[in-house]
Amino acid sequence: MPWYLQHEVSADNDGHIQMTHVIYNYSKPESIYFDFLRPLYFSLNMYSLTRCKANLLFPTPTIIEHGYHIDIPDAPSNAMSAVLYLNTNNGYTIFEDGKKVESVANRLVKFSNFMPHSGSTNSCDAPYRMVLNIDYIEKGVTK
């Protein structure tokens, strides 16, 4: 999979870098891997996909959290986000309310797009922290 350098991880230009691979954005597939992920999309009970991208962060001496954010600020009120952890490491996703989801391979967390959250780096022997970030509208969900 080709990876592309992103110079800021958070919206506040934090100076950190990550590698990204956009799979779907702006109402169209952006990657040859889009069809490969169809079973995942179906398992999420998805009405429509907003964005899907892979993020790869390199380890740091100590864990760095990249700041709370929401993925799609102008999304409909029933928008959802999901993070699929692609490898096990000591990084995590943390929510503004203090809940933390550890990076364990094949674990998936779903939450409202409007729930502020932050990703992190890892500081263990794993060579990277890799996640799949999916933003979507769920079937039959109204808020």
N, C-alpha and C. Protein backbone atom coordinates (compact mmCIF):
# COMPACT_ATOMS: atom_id res chain seq x y z
N MET A 1 0.85 -1.17 0.00
CA MET A 1 0.00 0.00 0.00
C MET A 1 0.90 1.23 0.00
N PRO A 2 0.67 2.16 -0.90
CA PRO A 2 1.47 3.40 -0.85
C PRO A 2 1.05 4.28 0.33
N TRP A 3 2.04 4.88 0.96
CA TRP A 3 1.81 5.78 2.09
C TRP A 3 2.27 7.18 1.71
N TYR A 4 1.57 8.17 2.26
CA TYR A 4 1.86 9.57 1.95
C TYR A 4 2.11 10.32 3.24
N LEU A 5 3.14 11.15 3.22
CA LEU A 5 3.54 11.90 4.40
C LEU A 5 2.56 13.03 4.67
N GLN A 6 2.07 13.08 5.90
CA GLN A 6 1.20 14.16 6.35
C GLN A 6 1.97 14.90 7.43
N HIS A 7 2.22 16.19 7.21
CA HIS A 7 3.10 16.95 8.10
C HIS A 7 2.48 17.35 9.42
N GLU A 8 1.17 17.36 9.54
CA GLU A 8 0.53 17.64 10.82
C GLU A 8 -0.45 16.51 11.10
N VAL A 9 -0.43 16.01 12.32
CA VAL A 9 -1.35 14.95 12.72
C VAL A 9 -2.65 15.56 13.20
N SER A 10 -2.60 16.70 13.87
CA SER A 10 -3.81 17.33 14.38
C SER A 10 -4.07 18.64 13.64
N ALA A 11 -5.27 19.14 13.81
CA ALA A 11 -5.68 20.36 13.12
C ALA A 11 -4.93 21.60 13.61
N ASP A 12 -4.31 21.52 14.78
CA ASP A 12 -3.62 22.71 15.30
C ASP A 12 -2.13 22.74 14.91
N ASN A 13 -1.78 22.08 13.81
CA ASN A 13 -0.41 22.09 13.29
C ASN A 13 0.61 21.75 14.37
N ASP A 14 0.48 20.54 14.91
CA ASP A 14 1.28 20.14 16.06
C ASP A 14 2.75 19.84 15.75
N GLY A 15 3.14 19.86 14.47
CA GLY A 15 4.53 19.61 14.12
C GLY A 15 4.90 18.14 14.03
N HIS A 16 3.98 17.23 14.35
CA HIS A 16 4.25 15.81 14.26
C HIS A 16 3.88 15.32 12.86
N ILE A 17 4.38 14.15 12.51
CA ILE A 17 4.09 13.59 11.19
C ILE A 17 3.42 12.23 11.33
N GLN A 18 2.71 11.86 10.28
CA GLN A 18 2.18 10.51 10.16
C GLN A 18 2.12 10.17 8.68
N MET A 19 2.01 8.91 8.40
CA MET A 19 1.82 8.45 7.04
C MET A 19 0.33 8.13 6.89
N THR A 20 -0.25 8.47 5.75
CA THR A 20 -1.66 8.20 5.52
C THR A 20 -1.87 7.58 4.14
N HIS A 21 -2.97 6.87 4.03
CA HIS A 21 -3.40 6.34 2.74
C HIS A 21 -4.91 6.55 2.70
N VAL A 22 -5.38 7.48 1.87
CA VAL A 22 -6.80 7.76 1.74
C VAL A 22 -7.44 6.70 0.86
N ILE A 23 -8.46 6.06 1.37
CA ILE A 23 -9.15 4.99 0.65
C ILE A 23 -10.43 5.52 0.02
N TYR A 24 -11.13 6.41 0.72
CA TYR A 24 -12.38 6.98 0.21
C TYR A 24 -12.51 8.39 0.78
N ASN A 25 -12.86 9.34 -0.11
CA ASN A 25 -13.02 10.72 0.33
C ASN A 25 -13.79 11.48 -0.73
N TYR A 26 -14.56 12.47 -0.31
CA TYR A 26 -15.30 13.32 -1.24
C TYR A 26 -16.17 12.50 -2.20
N SER A 27 -16.89 11.53 -1.66
CA SER A 27 -17.88 10.73 -2.40
C SER A 27 -17.31 9.83 -3.47
N LYS A 28 -16.04 9.48 -3.35
CA LYS A 28 -15.49 8.56 -4.36
C LYS A 28 -14.30 7.78 -3.80
N PRO A 29 -14.11 6.57 -4.32
CA PRO A 29 -12.93 5.79 -3.94
C PRO A 29 -11.66 6.50 -4.40
N GLU A 30 -10.64 6.47 -3.57
CA GLU A 30 -9.36 7.09 -3.88
C GLU A 30 -8.23 6.06 -3.92
N SER A 31 -8.57 4.79 -3.70
CA SER A 31 -7.55 3.75 -3.58
C SER A 31 -8.03 2.45 -4.20
N ILE A 32 -7.10 1.67 -4.68
CA ILE A 32 -7.45 0.35 -5.21
C ILE A 32 -7.88 -0.59 -4.10
N TYR A 33 -7.68 -0.22 -2.85
CA TYR A 33 -8.06 -1.06 -1.71
C TYR A 33 -9.50 -0.85 -1.26
N PHE A 34 -10.22 0.04 -1.90
CA PHE A 34 -11.61 0.32 -1.52
C PHE A 34 -12.45 -0.94 -1.54
N ASP A 35 -12.44 -1.70 -2.62
CA ASP A 35 -13.28 -2.90 -2.73
C ASP A 35 -12.86 -3.98 -1.74
N PHE A 36 -11.62 -4.06 -1.41
CA PHE A 36 -11.12 -5.04 -0.45
C PHE A 36 -11.82 -4.88 0.90
N LEU A 37 -12.22 -3.66 1.23
CA LEU A 37 -12.81 -3.35 2.54
C LEU A 37 -14.33 -3.45 2.57
N ARG A 38 -14.96 -3.82 1.46
CA ARG A 38 -16.43 -3.90 1.42
C ARG A 38 -17.02 -4.74 2.56
N PRO A 39 -16.47 -5.91 2.90
CA PRO A 39 -17.05 -6.66 4.03
C PRO A 39 -17.07 -5.85 5.33
N LEU A 40 -16.05 -5.05 5.55
CA LEU A 40 -16.03 -4.20 6.75
C LEU A 40 -17.14 -3.16 6.68
N TYR A 41 -17.32 -2.53 5.53
CA TYR A 41 -18.38 -1.53 5.40
C TYR A 41 -19.74 -2.15 5.71
N PHE A 42 -19.99 -3.35 5.17
CA PHE A 42 -21.27 -4.02 5.42
C PHE A 42 -21.45 -4.36 6.89
N SER A 43 -20.37 -4.76 7.56
CA SER A 43 -20.48 -5.12 8.97
C SER A 43 -20.81 -3.92 9.85
N LEU A 44 -20.52 -2.72 9.37
CA LEU A 44 -20.82 -1.51 10.13
C LEU A 44 -22.25 -1.02 9.93
N ASN A 45 -23.05 -1.76 9.16
CA ASN A 45 -24.43 -1.36 8.90
C ASN A 45 -24.47 0.05 8.31
N MET A 46 -23.64 0.26 7.32
CA MET A 46 -23.40 1.57 6.75
C MET A 46 -24.47 1.96 5.72
N TYR A 47 -25.02 3.16 5.88
CA TYR A 47 -25.90 3.72 4.86
C TYR A 47 -25.06 4.42 3.79
N SER A 48 -24.10 5.22 4.23
CA SER A 48 -23.19 5.87 3.28
C SER A 48 -21.85 6.12 3.96
N LEU A 49 -20.81 6.01 3.16
CA LEU A 49 -19.45 6.24 3.62
C LEU A 49 -19.10 7.70 3.38
N THR A 50 -18.46 8.32 4.36
CA THR A 50 -18.01 9.70 4.24
C THR A 50 -16.52 9.76 3.92
N ARG A 51 -15.74 9.01 4.71
CA ARG A 51 -14.29 8.99 4.52
C ARG A 51 -13.73 7.71 5.12
N CYS A 52 -12.68 7.22 4.50
CA CYS A 52 -11.96 6.07 5.04
C CYS A 52 -10.48 6.27 4.73
N LYS A 53 -9.65 6.19 5.77
CA LYS A 53 -8.22 6.34 5.54
C LYS A 53 -7.44 5.53 6.56
N ALA A 54 -6.27 5.09 6.13
CA ALA A 54 -5.36 4.39 7.02
C ALA A 54 -4.34 5.40 7.54
N ASN A 55 -4.02 5.28 8.82
CA ASN A 55 -3.02 6.14 9.47
C ASN A 55 -1.91 5.26 10.03
N LEU A 56 -0.69 5.67 9.80
CA LEU A 56 0.47 4.95 10.33
C LEU A 56 1.35 5.96 11.07
N LEU A 57 1.54 5.72 12.35
CA LEU A 57 2.36 6.59 13.19
C LEU A 57 3.57 5.82 13.68
N PHE A 58 4.71 6.44 13.66
CA PHE A 58 5.95 5.81 14.12
C PHE A 58 6.08 5.94 15.63
N PRO A 59 6.81 5.02 16.27
CA PRO A 59 6.96 5.10 17.72
C PRO A 59 7.76 6.33 18.14
N THR A 60 7.51 6.75 19.35
CA THR A 60 8.22 7.88 19.95
C THR A 60 8.74 7.42 21.32
N PRO A 61 9.74 8.09 21.86
CA PRO A 61 10.29 7.67 23.17
C PRO A 61 9.23 7.61 24.26
N THR A 62 8.32 8.57 24.26
CA THR A 62 7.16 8.54 25.16
C THR A 62 5.92 8.75 24.29
N ILE A 63 4.80 8.28 24.76
CA ILE A 63 3.56 8.39 23.99
C ILE A 63 3.15 9.85 23.85
N ILE A 64 2.79 10.22 22.63
CA ILE A 64 2.30 11.57 22.34
C ILE A 64 0.84 11.46 21.94
N GLU A 65 -0.02 12.22 22.62
CA GLU A 65 -1.42 12.34 22.22
C GLU A 65 -1.51 13.56 21.31
N HIS A 66 -2.32 13.46 20.26
CA HIS A 66 -2.32 14.48 19.23
C HIS A 66 -3.44 15.52 19.34
N GLY A 67 -4.16 15.53 20.41
CA GLY A 67 -5.17 16.58 20.62
C GLY A 67 -6.57 16.13 20.24
N TYR A 68 -7.52 16.55 21.04
CA TYR A 68 -8.92 16.18 20.80
C TYR A 68 -9.45 16.85 19.55
N HIS A 69 -10.25 16.09 18.82
CA HIS A 69 -10.84 16.59 17.58
C HIS A 69 -12.07 15.75 17.25
N ILE A 70 -12.86 16.23 16.31
CA ILE A 70 -13.89 15.41 15.68
C ILE A 70 -13.47 15.27 14.22
N ASP A 71 -13.81 14.13 13.61
CA ASP A 71 -13.30 13.85 12.28
C ASP A 71 -13.90 14.72 11.19
N ILE A 72 -15.21 14.88 11.18
CA ILE A 72 -15.89 15.61 10.12
C ILE A 72 -16.76 16.70 10.77
N PRO A 73 -16.24 17.92 10.92
CA PRO A 73 -16.97 18.97 11.64
C PRO A 73 -18.34 19.31 11.07
N ASP A 74 -18.51 19.25 9.76
CA ASP A 74 -19.79 19.64 9.16
C ASP A 74 -20.66 18.45 8.80
N ALA A 75 -20.47 17.32 9.47
CA ALA A 75 -21.23 16.10 9.19
C ALA A 75 -22.65 16.20 9.71
N PRO A 76 -23.56 15.39 9.15
CA PRO A 76 -24.93 15.32 9.69
C PRO A 76 -24.91 14.85 11.14
N SER A 77 -25.96 15.14 11.88
CA SER A 77 -26.00 14.83 13.31
C SER A 77 -25.94 13.33 13.60
N ASN A 78 -26.25 12.48 12.61
CA ASN A 78 -26.21 11.04 12.84
C ASN A 78 -24.94 10.39 12.29
N ALA A 79 -23.89 11.16 12.10
CA ALA A 79 -22.62 10.64 11.59
C ALA A 79 -21.91 9.82 12.67
N MET A 80 -21.25 8.78 12.22
CA MET A 80 -20.51 7.88 13.11
C MET A 80 -19.04 7.85 12.68
N SER A 81 -18.18 7.49 13.62
CA SER A 81 -16.78 7.23 13.34
C SER A 81 -16.44 5.85 13.87
N ALA A 82 -15.48 5.21 13.25
CA ALA A 82 -14.99 3.92 13.73
C ALA A 82 -13.48 3.89 13.54
N VAL A 83 -12.82 3.23 14.46
CA VAL A 83 -11.38 3.02 14.37
C VAL A 83 -11.15 1.51 14.45
N LEU A 84 -10.50 0.97 13.42
CA LEU A 84 -10.10 -0.43 13.42
C LEU A 84 -8.59 -0.46 13.64
N TYR A 85 -8.17 -1.11 14.72
CA TYR A 85 -6.75 -1.19 15.06
C TYR A 85 -6.13 -2.33 14.27
N LEU A 86 -5.10 -2.03 13.49
CA LEU A 86 -4.51 -3.00 12.59
C LEU A 86 -3.29 -3.72 13.16
N ASN A 87 -2.76 -3.22 14.26
CA ASN A 87 -1.69 -3.93 14.95
C ASN A 87 -1.76 -3.65 16.45
N THR A 88 -1.14 -4.52 17.21
CA THR A 88 -1.13 -4.39 18.66
C THR A 88 0.11 -3.61 19.08
N ASN A 89 -0.11 -2.61 19.94
CA ASN A 89 0.98 -1.79 20.46
C ASN A 89 0.47 -1.07 21.70
N ASN A 90 1.26 -0.23 22.32
CA ASN A 90 0.79 0.44 23.54
C ASN A 90 0.20 1.83 23.27
N GLY A 91 -0.10 2.13 22.02
CA GLY A 91 -0.84 3.36 21.70
C GLY A 91 -2.32 3.16 21.97
N TYR A 92 -3.11 4.21 21.74
CA TYR A 92 -4.53 4.14 22.07
C TYR A 92 -5.30 5.29 21.43
N THR A 93 -6.61 5.20 21.57
CA THR A 93 -7.52 6.31 21.29
C THR A 93 -8.08 6.71 22.64
N ILE A 94 -8.05 8.01 22.93
CA ILE A 94 -8.60 8.50 24.19
C ILE A 94 -9.72 9.49 23.87
N PHE A 95 -10.78 9.42 24.66
CA PHE A 95 -11.92 10.30 24.49
C PHE A 95 -11.89 11.39 25.55
N GLU A 96 -12.54 12.49 25.24
CA GLU A 96 -12.53 13.65 26.14
C GLU A 96 -13.06 13.30 27.53
N ASP A 97 -13.95 12.30 27.61
CA ASP A 97 -14.49 11.91 28.92
C ASP A 97 -13.54 11.00 29.70
N GLY A 98 -12.34 10.74 29.15
CA GLY A 98 -11.34 9.94 29.85
C GLY A 98 -11.30 8.48 29.45
N LYS A 99 -12.31 7.99 28.73
CA LYS A 99 -12.29 6.59 28.29
C LYS A 99 -11.16 6.40 27.29
N LYS A 100 -10.51 5.23 27.38
CA LYS A 100 -9.36 4.93 26.55
C LYS A 100 -9.56 3.56 25.91
N VAL A 101 -9.26 3.46 24.61
CA VAL A 101 -9.32 2.19 23.90
C VAL A 101 -7.90 1.85 23.44
N GLU A 102 -7.37 0.75 23.97
CA GLU A 102 -6.02 0.32 23.65
C GLU A 102 -5.94 -0.21 22.21
N SER A 103 -4.79 -0.06 21.59
CA SER A 103 -4.55 -0.56 20.23
C SER A 103 -4.27 -2.06 20.28
N VAL A 104 -5.28 -2.84 19.95
CA VAL A 104 -5.17 -4.29 19.88
C VAL A 104 -5.61 -4.70 18.48
N ALA A 105 -4.78 -5.45 17.78
CA ALA A 105 -5.08 -5.84 16.40
C ALA A 105 -6.49 -6.43 16.28
N ASN A 106 -7.21 -5.97 15.27
CA ASN A 106 -8.58 -6.42 14.93
C ASN A 106 -9.64 -5.93 15.89
N ARG A 107 -9.33 -5.03 16.80
CA ARG A 107 -10.34 -4.41 17.66
C ARG A 107 -10.94 -3.23 16.90
N LEU A 108 -12.25 -3.05 17.06
CA LEU A 108 -12.94 -1.94 16.42
C LEU A 108 -13.73 -1.18 17.47
N VAL A 109 -13.65 0.14 17.44
CA VAL A 109 -14.46 0.98 18.32
C VAL A 109 -15.30 1.89 17.43
N LYS A 110 -16.61 1.98 17.73
CA LYS A 110 -17.54 2.86 17.02
C LYS A 110 -18.03 3.93 17.99
N PHE A 111 -18.21 5.16 17.48
CA PHE A 111 -18.68 6.24 18.34
C PHE A 111 -19.25 7.35 17.47
N SER A 112 -20.02 8.23 18.08
CA SER A 112 -20.56 9.38 17.37
C SER A 112 -19.43 10.23 16.82
N ASN A 113 -19.58 10.68 15.59
CA ASN A 113 -18.58 11.55 14.97
C ASN A 113 -18.31 12.79 15.83
N PHE A 114 -19.26 13.20 16.63
CA PHE A 114 -19.13 14.43 17.40
C PHE A 114 -18.53 14.21 18.79
N MET A 115 -18.04 13.00 19.06
CA MET A 115 -17.37 12.72 20.33
C MET A 115 -15.88 13.07 20.19
N PRO A 116 -15.42 14.11 20.87
CA PRO A 116 -14.00 14.48 20.76
C PRO A 116 -13.10 13.33 21.21
N HIS A 117 -12.07 13.08 20.41
CA HIS A 117 -11.14 11.99 20.68
C HIS A 117 -9.75 12.36 20.18
N SER A 118 -8.78 11.61 20.63
CA SER A 118 -7.39 11.83 20.21
C SER A 118 -6.72 10.48 20.01
N GLY A 119 -5.90 10.40 18.99
CA GLY A 119 -5.05 9.23 18.82
C GLY A 119 -3.71 9.51 19.48
N SER A 120 -2.86 8.50 19.46
CA SER A 120 -1.55 8.64 20.06
C SER A 120 -0.52 7.89 19.23
N THR A 121 0.73 8.12 19.58
CA THR A 121 1.82 7.30 19.06
C THR A 121 1.93 6.07 19.97
N ASN A 122 2.87 5.20 19.68
CA ASN A 122 3.22 4.11 20.59
C ASN A 122 4.67 4.31 21.03
N SER A 123 5.02 3.69 22.15
CA SER A 123 6.39 3.81 22.65
C SER A 123 6.98 2.44 22.96
N CYS A 124 6.43 1.40 22.35
CA CYS A 124 6.90 0.04 22.63
C CYS A 124 7.75 -0.47 21.46
N ASP A 125 7.98 -1.76 21.42
CA ASP A 125 8.80 -2.36 20.38
C ASP A 125 8.11 -2.48 19.03
N ALA A 126 6.79 -2.25 18.98
CA ALA A 126 6.08 -2.31 17.69
C ALA A 126 6.65 -1.23 16.78
N PRO A 127 6.90 -1.54 15.50
CA PRO A 127 7.55 -0.57 14.61
C PRO A 127 6.65 0.61 14.21
N TYR A 128 5.36 0.52 14.51
CA TYR A 128 4.41 1.57 14.17
C TYR A 128 3.09 1.31 14.86
N ARG A 129 2.21 2.29 14.81
CA ARG A 129 0.81 2.15 15.22
C ARG A 129 -0.01 2.40 13.96
N MET A 130 -0.80 1.41 13.54
CA MET A 130 -1.58 1.55 12.31
C MET A 130 -3.05 1.32 12.61
N VAL A 131 -3.88 2.27 12.13
CA VAL A 131 -5.32 2.18 12.31
C VAL A 131 -6.02 2.51 10.99
N LEU A 132 -7.24 2.03 10.90
CA LEU A 132 -8.12 2.41 9.80
C LEU A 132 -9.20 3.28 10.40
N ASN A 133 -9.34 4.50 9.90
CA ASN A 133 -10.32 5.46 10.39
C ASN A 133 -11.46 5.54 9.38
N ILE A 134 -12.69 5.28 9.84
CA ILE A 134 -13.86 5.22 8.95
C ILE A 134 -14.92 6.18 9.48
N ASP A 135 -15.38 7.05 8.63
CA ASP A 135 -16.45 7.99 8.96
C ASP A 135 -17.62 7.69 8.05
N TYR A 136 -18.84 7.59 8.63
CA TYR A 136 -19.97 7.10 7.86
C TYR A 136 -21.30 7.47 8.51
N ILE A 137 -22.36 7.22 7.76
CA ILE A 137 -23.73 7.34 8.27
C ILE A 137 -24.27 5.92 8.40
N GLU A 138 -24.78 5.58 9.58
CA GLU A 138 -25.28 4.24 9.83
C GLU A 138 -26.74 4.12 9.36
N LYS A 139 -27.11 2.97 8.84
CA LYS A 139 -28.49 2.72 8.42
C LYS A 139 -29.42 2.82 9.62
N GLY A 140 -30.56 3.46 9.41
CA GLY A 140 -31.62 3.48 10.41
C GLY A 140 -31.33 4.26 11.66
N VAL A 141 -30.23 4.99 11.72
CA VAL A 141 -29.90 5.77 12.90
C VAL A 141 -30.32 7.21 12.67
N THR A 142 -31.16 7.73 13.56
CA THR A 142 -31.51 9.15 13.48
C THR A 142 -31.27 9.76 14.85
N LYS A 143 -30.77 10.95 14.83
CA LYS A 143 -30.48 11.66 16.08
C LYS A 143 -30.94 13.08 15.98
